[in-house]
């Protein structure tokens, strides 16, 4: 279970940092901003890996 907890923390890290820097709580945001940031960051990472793999 510790591996899954670490994996969850790693995937949510970019969004958590942005939300903390903006001073927005999860209750105020509802997770929308955090999800958007995570989608953008991991989309770029995945796209870059796919581009270089081809």
PDB file of N, CA and C in Angstrom:
ATOM      1  N   UNK A   1       0.814  -1.202   0.000  1.00  0.00           N
ATOM      2  CA  UNK A   1       0.000   0.000   0.000  1.00  0.00           C
ATOM      3  C   UNK A   1       0.851   1.256   0.000  1.00  0.00           C
ATOM      4  N   UNK A   2       2.048   1.190   0.545  1.00  0.00           N
ATOM      5  CA  UNK A   2       2.876   2.390   0.561  1.00  0.00           C
ATOM      6  C   UNK A   2       3.282   2.794  -0.853  1.00  0.00           C
ATOM      7  N   UNK A   3       3.456   1.809  -1.733  1.00  0.00           N
ATOM      8  CA  UNK A   3       3.785   2.134  -3.123  1.00  0.00           C
ATOM      9  C   UNK A   3       2.641   2.881  -3.787  1.00  0.00           C
ATOM     10  N   UNK A   4       1.426   2.440  -3.549  1.00  0.00           N
ATOM     11  CA  UNK A   4       0.269   3.122  -4.130  1.00  0.00           C
ATOM     12  C   UNK A   4       0.107   4.532  -3.569  1.00  0.00           C
ATOM     13  N   UNK A   5       0.385   4.711  -2.297  1.00  0.00           N
ATOM     14  CA  UNK A   5       0.319   6.041  -1.685  1.00  0.00           C
ATOM     15  C   UNK A   5       1.374   6.951  -2.294  1.00  0.00           C
ATOM     16  N   UNK A   6       2.582   6.418  -2.501  1.00  0.00           N
ATOM     17  CA  UNK A   6       3.646   7.190  -3.124  1.00  0.00           C
ATOM     18  C   UNK A   6       3.282   7.557  -4.561  1.00  0.00           C
ATOM     19  N   UNK A   7       2.698   6.609  -5.298  1.00  0.00           N
ATOM     20  CA  UNK A   7       2.296   6.843  -6.680  1.00  0.00           C
ATOM     21  C   UNK A   7       1.221   7.924  -6.760  1.00  0.00           C
ATOM     22  N   UNK A   8       0.262   7.875  -5.860  1.00  0.00           N
ATOM     23  CA  UNK A   8      -0.780   8.894  -5.811  1.00  0.00           C
ATOM     24  C   UNK A   8      -0.188  10.273  -5.528  1.00  0.00           C
ATOM     25  N   UNK A   9       0.711  10.346  -4.581  1.00  0.00           N
ATOM     26  CA  UNK A   9       1.351  11.616  -4.231  1.00  0.00           C
ATOM     27  C   UNK A   9       2.148  12.159  -5.413  1.00  0.00           C
ATOM     28  N   UNK A  10       2.847  11.293  -6.111  1.00  0.00           N
ATOM     29  CA  UNK A  10       3.658  11.724  -7.255  1.00  0.00           C
ATOM     30  C   UNK A  10       2.789  12.265  -8.386  1.00  0.00           C
ATOM     31  N   UNK A  11       1.675  11.614  -8.675  1.00  0.00           N
ATOM     32  CA  UNK A  11       0.813  12.058  -9.767  1.00  0.00           C
ATOM     33  C   UNK A  11       0.071  13.342  -9.443  1.00  0.00           C
ATOM     34  N   UNK A  12      -0.250  13.570  -8.190  1.00  0.00           N
ATOM     35  CA  UNK A  12      -0.987  14.772  -7.802  1.00  0.00           C
ATOM     36  C   UNK A  12      -0.080  15.943  -7.431  1.00  0.00           C
ATOM     37  N   UNK A  13       1.222  15.720  -7.389  1.00  0.00           N
ATOM     38  CA  UNK A  13       2.171  16.733  -6.937  1.00  0.00           C
ATOM     39  C   UNK A  13       2.101  18.052  -7.717  1.00  0.00           C
ATOM     40  N   UNK A  14       2.095  18.050  -9.062  1.00  0.00           N
ATOM     41  CA  UNK A  14       2.078  19.335  -9.775  1.00  0.00           C
ATOM     42  C   UNK A  14       0.849  20.182  -9.434  1.00  0.00           C
ATOM     43  N   UNK A  15      -0.306  19.572  -9.401  1.00  0.00           N
ATOM     44  CA  UNK A  15      -1.527  20.304  -9.079  1.00  0.00           C
ATOM     45  C   UNK A  15      -1.551  20.785  -7.644  1.00  0.00           C
ATOM     46  N   UNK A  16      -1.042  19.977  -6.742  1.00  0.00           N
ATOM     47  CA  UNK A  16      -0.995  20.375  -5.333  1.00  0.00           C
ATOM     48  C   UNK A  16      -0.114  21.598  -5.128  1.00  0.00           C
ATOM     49  N   UNK A  17       1.014  21.644  -5.815  1.00  0.00           N
ATOM     50  CA  UNK A  17       1.931  22.776  -5.684  1.00  0.00           C
ATOM     51  C   UNK A  17       1.274  24.058  -6.185  1.00  0.00           C
ATOM     52  N   UNK A  18       0.607  24.000  -7.324  1.00  0.00           N
ATOM     53  CA  UNK A  18      -0.046  25.198  -7.881  1.00  0.00           C
ATOM     54  C   UNK A  18      -1.154  25.680  -6.963  1.00  0.00           C
ATOM     55  N   UNK A  19      -1.962  24.770  -6.462  1.00  0.00           N
ATOM     56  CA  UNK A  19      -3.065  25.142  -5.570  1.00  0.00           C
ATOM     57  C   UNK A  19      -2.516  25.768  -4.283  1.00  0.00           C
ATOM     58  N   UNK A  20      -1.433  25.223  -3.751  1.00  0.00           N
ATOM     59  CA  UNK A  20      -0.829  25.786  -2.543  1.00  0.00           C
ATOM     60  C   UNK A  20      -0.256  27.172  -2.810  1.00  0.00           C
ATOM     61  N   UNK A  21       0.400  27.366  -3.950  1.00  0.00           N
ATOM     62  CA  UNK A  21       0.984  28.664  -4.282  1.00  0.00           C
ATOM     63  C   UNK A  21      -0.097  29.732  -4.471  1.00  0.00           C
ATOM     64  N   UNK A  22      -1.246  29.337  -4.992  1.00  0.00           N
ATOM     65  CA  UNK A  22      -2.344  30.282  -5.181  1.00  0.00           C
ATOM     66  C   UNK A  22      -3.131  30.519  -3.896  1.00  0.00           C
ATOM     67  N   UNK A  23      -2.910  29.689  -2.897  1.00  0.00           N
ATOM     68  CA  UNK A  23      -3.608  29.836  -1.627  1.00  0.00           C
ATOM     69  C   UNK A  23      -5.058  29.383  -1.680  1.00  0.00           C
ATOM     70  N   UNK A  24      -5.360  28.446  -2.552  1.00  0.00           N
ATOM     71  CA  UNK A  24      -6.712  27.932  -2.715  1.00  0.00           C
ATOM     72  C   UNK A  24      -6.819  26.607  -1.967  1.00  0.00           C
ATOM     73  N   UNK A  25      -7.876  26.437  -1.199  1.00  0.00           N
ATOM     74  CA  UNK A  25      -8.084  25.165  -0.513  1.00  0.00           C
ATOM     75  C   UNK A  25      -8.824  24.204  -1.427  1.00  0.00           C
ATOM     76  N   UNK A  26      -8.750  22.925  -1.112  1.00  0.00           N
ATOM     77  CA  UNK A  26      -9.434  21.913  -1.916  1.00  0.00           C
ATOM     78  C   UNK A  26     -10.949  22.126  -1.854  1.00  0.00           C
ATOM     79  N   UNK A  27     -11.450  22.578  -0.715  1.00  0.00           N
ATOM     80  CA  UNK A  27     -12.883  22.810  -0.577  1.00  0.00           C
ATOM     81  C   UNK A  27     -13.344  23.950  -1.488  1.00  0.00           C
ATOM     82  N   UNK A  28     -12.527  24.998  -1.624  1.00  0.00           N
ATOM     83  CA  UNK A  28     -12.879  26.115  -2.493  1.00  0.00           C
ATOM     84  C   UNK A  28     -12.790  25.726  -3.964  1.00  0.00           C
ATOM     85  N   UNK A  29     -11.817  24.936  -4.293  1.00  0.00           N
ATOM     86  CA  UNK A  29     -11.537  24.604  -5.681  1.00  0.00           C
ATOM     87  C   UNK A  29     -12.375  23.432  -6.177  1.00  0.00           C
ATOM     88  N   UNK A  30     -12.634  22.475  -5.332  1.00  0.00           N
ATOM     89  CA  UNK A  30     -13.355  21.284  -5.752  1.00  0.00           C
ATOM     90  C   UNK A  30     -12.508  20.332  -6.576  1.00  0.00           C
ATOM     91  N   UNK A  31     -11.217  20.589  -6.676  1.00  0.00           N
ATOM     92  CA  UNK A  31     -10.322  19.717  -7.427  1.00  0.00           C
ATOM     93  C   UNK A  31     -10.230  20.043  -8.904  1.00  0.00           C
ATOM     94  N   UNK A  32     -10.980  21.038  -9.387  1.00  0.00           N
ATOM     95  CA  UNK A  32     -10.985  21.349 -10.814  1.00  0.00           C
ATOM     96  C   UNK A  32      -9.638  21.909 -11.261  1.00  0.00           C
ATOM     97  N   UNK A  33      -9.123  22.886 -10.535  1.00  0.00           N
ATOM     98  CA  UNK A  33      -7.843  23.486 -10.907  1.00  0.00           C
ATOM     99  C   UNK A  33      -6.716  22.472 -10.794  1.00  0.00           C
ATOM    100  N   UNK A  34      -6.715  21.708  -9.725  1.00  0.00           N
ATOM    101  CA  UNK A  34      -5.676  20.694  -9.530  1.00  0.00           C
ATOM    102  C   UNK A  34      -5.721  19.663 -10.646  1.00  0.00           C
ATOM    103  N   UNK A  35      -6.908  19.235 -11.030  1.00  0.00           N
ATOM    104  CA  UNK A  35      -7.047  18.259 -12.109  1.00  0.00           C
ATOM    105  C   UNK A  35      -6.569  18.824 -13.440  1.00  0.00           C
ATOM    106  N   UNK A  36      -6.892  20.098 -13.699  1.00  0.00           N
ATOM    107  CA  UNK A  36      -6.471  20.732 -14.949  1.00  0.00           C
ATOM    108  C   UNK A  36      -4.952  20.817 -15.029  1.00  0.00           C
ATOM    109  N   UNK A  37      -4.318  21.245 -13.949  1.00  0.00           N
ATOM    110  CA  UNK A  37      -2.859  21.364 -13.930  1.00  0.00           C
ATOM    111  C   UNK A  37      -2.213  19.992 -14.111  1.00  0.00           C
ATOM    112  N   UNK A  38      -2.721  19.000 -13.399  1.00  0.00           N
ATOM    113  CA  UNK A  38      -2.167  17.647 -13.527  1.00  0.00           C
ATOM    114  C   UNK A  38      -2.327  17.126 -14.951  1.00  0.00           C
ATOM    115  N   UNK A  39      -3.484  17.377 -15.568  1.00  0.00           N
ATOM    116  CA  UNK A  39      -3.724  16.917 -16.930  1.00  0.00           C
ATOM    117  C   UNK A  39      -2.731  17.573 -17.896  1.00  0.00           C
ATOM    118  N   UNK A  40      -2.499  18.866 -17.729  1.00  0.00           N
ATOM    119  CA  UNK A  40      -1.555  19.570 -18.602  1.00  0.00           C
ATOM    120  C   UNK A  40      -0.129  19.056 -18.418  1.00  0.00           C
ATOM    121  N   UNK A  41       0.308  18.943 -17.186  1.00  0.00           N
ATOM    122  CA  UNK A  41       1.681  18.506 -16.918  1.00  0.00           C
ATOM    123  C   UNK A  41       1.910  17.089 -17.420  1.00  0.00           C
ATOM    124  N   UNK A  42       1.049  16.165 -17.027  1.00  0.00           N
ATOM    125  CA  UNK A  42       1.275  14.775 -17.415  1.00  0.00           C
ATOM    126  C   UNK A  42       0.984  14.545 -18.892  1.00  0.00           C
ATOM    127  N   UNK A  43       0.141  15.388 -19.503  1.00  0.00           N
ATOM    128  CA  UNK A  43      -0.072  15.310 -20.947  1.00  0.00           C
ATOM    129  C   UNK A  43       1.176  15.684 -21.722  1.00  0.00           C
ATOM    130  N   UNK A  44       1.856  16.738 -21.269  1.00  0.00           N
ATOM    131  CA  UNK A  44       3.103  17.152 -21.912  1.00  0.00           C
ATOM    132  C   UNK A  44       4.180  16.087 -21.726  1.00  0.00           C
ATOM    133  N   UNK A  45       4.270  15.545 -20.532  1.00  0.00           N
ATOM    134  CA  UNK A  45       5.274  14.496 -20.266  1.00  0.00           C
ATOM    135  C   UNK A  45       5.010  13.279 -21.148  1.00  0.00           C
ATOM    136  N   UNK A  46       3.771  12.834 -21.190  1.00  0.00           N
ATOM    137  CA  UNK A  46       3.416  11.659 -21.980  1.00  0.00           C
ATOM    138  C   UNK A  46       3.596  11.923 -23.476  1.00  0.00           C
ATOM    139  N   UNK A  47       3.190  13.106 -23.918  1.00  0.00           N
ATOM    140  CA  UNK A  47       3.356  13.469 -25.333  1.00  0.00           C
ATOM    141  C   UNK A  47       4.818  13.524 -25.734  1.00  0.00           C
ATOM    142  N   UNK A  48       5.655  14.067 -24.864  1.00  0.00           N
ATOM    143  CA  UNK A  48       7.082  14.142 -25.157  1.00  0.00           C
ATOM    144  C   UNK A  48       7.700  12.747 -25.255  1.00  0.00           C
ATOM    145  N   UNK A  49       7.330  11.891 -24.335  1.00  0.00           N
ATOM    146  CA  UNK A  49       7.849  10.513 -24.371  1.00  0.00           C
ATOM    147  C   UNK A  49       7.379   9.809 -25.631  1.00  0.00           C
ATOM    148  N   UNK A  50       6.114   9.971 -25.988  1.00  0.00           N
ATOM    149  CA  UNK A  50       5.582   9.329 -27.196  1.00  0.00           C
ATOM    150  C   UNK A  50       6.253   9.879 -28.454  1.00  0.00           C
ATOM    151  N   UNK A  51       6.500  11.189 -28.467  1.00  0.00           N
ATOM    152  CA  UNK A  51       7.143  11.804 -29.640  1.00  0.00           C
ATOM    153  C   UNK A  51       8.545  11.244 -29.846  1.00  0.00           C
ATOM    154  N   UNK A  52       9.312  11.126 -28.779  1.00  0.00           N
ATOM    155  CA  UNK A  52      10.678  10.619 -28.910  1.00  0.00           C
ATOM    156  C   UNK A  52      10.716   9.114 -29.093  1.00  0.00           C
ATOM    157  N   UNK A  53       9.672   8.406 -28.722  1.00  0.00           N
ATOM    158  CA  UNK A  53       9.637   6.955 -28.902  1.00  0.00           C
ATOM    159  C   UNK A  53       9.352   6.567 -30.362  1.00  0.00           C
ATOM    160  N   UNK A  54       8.758   7.497 -31.095  1.00  0.00           N
ATOM    161  CA  UNK A  54       8.439   7.177 -32.499  1.00  0.00           C
ATOM    162  C   UNK A  54       9.607   7.437 -33.339  1.00  0.00           C
TER     163      UNK A  54
END
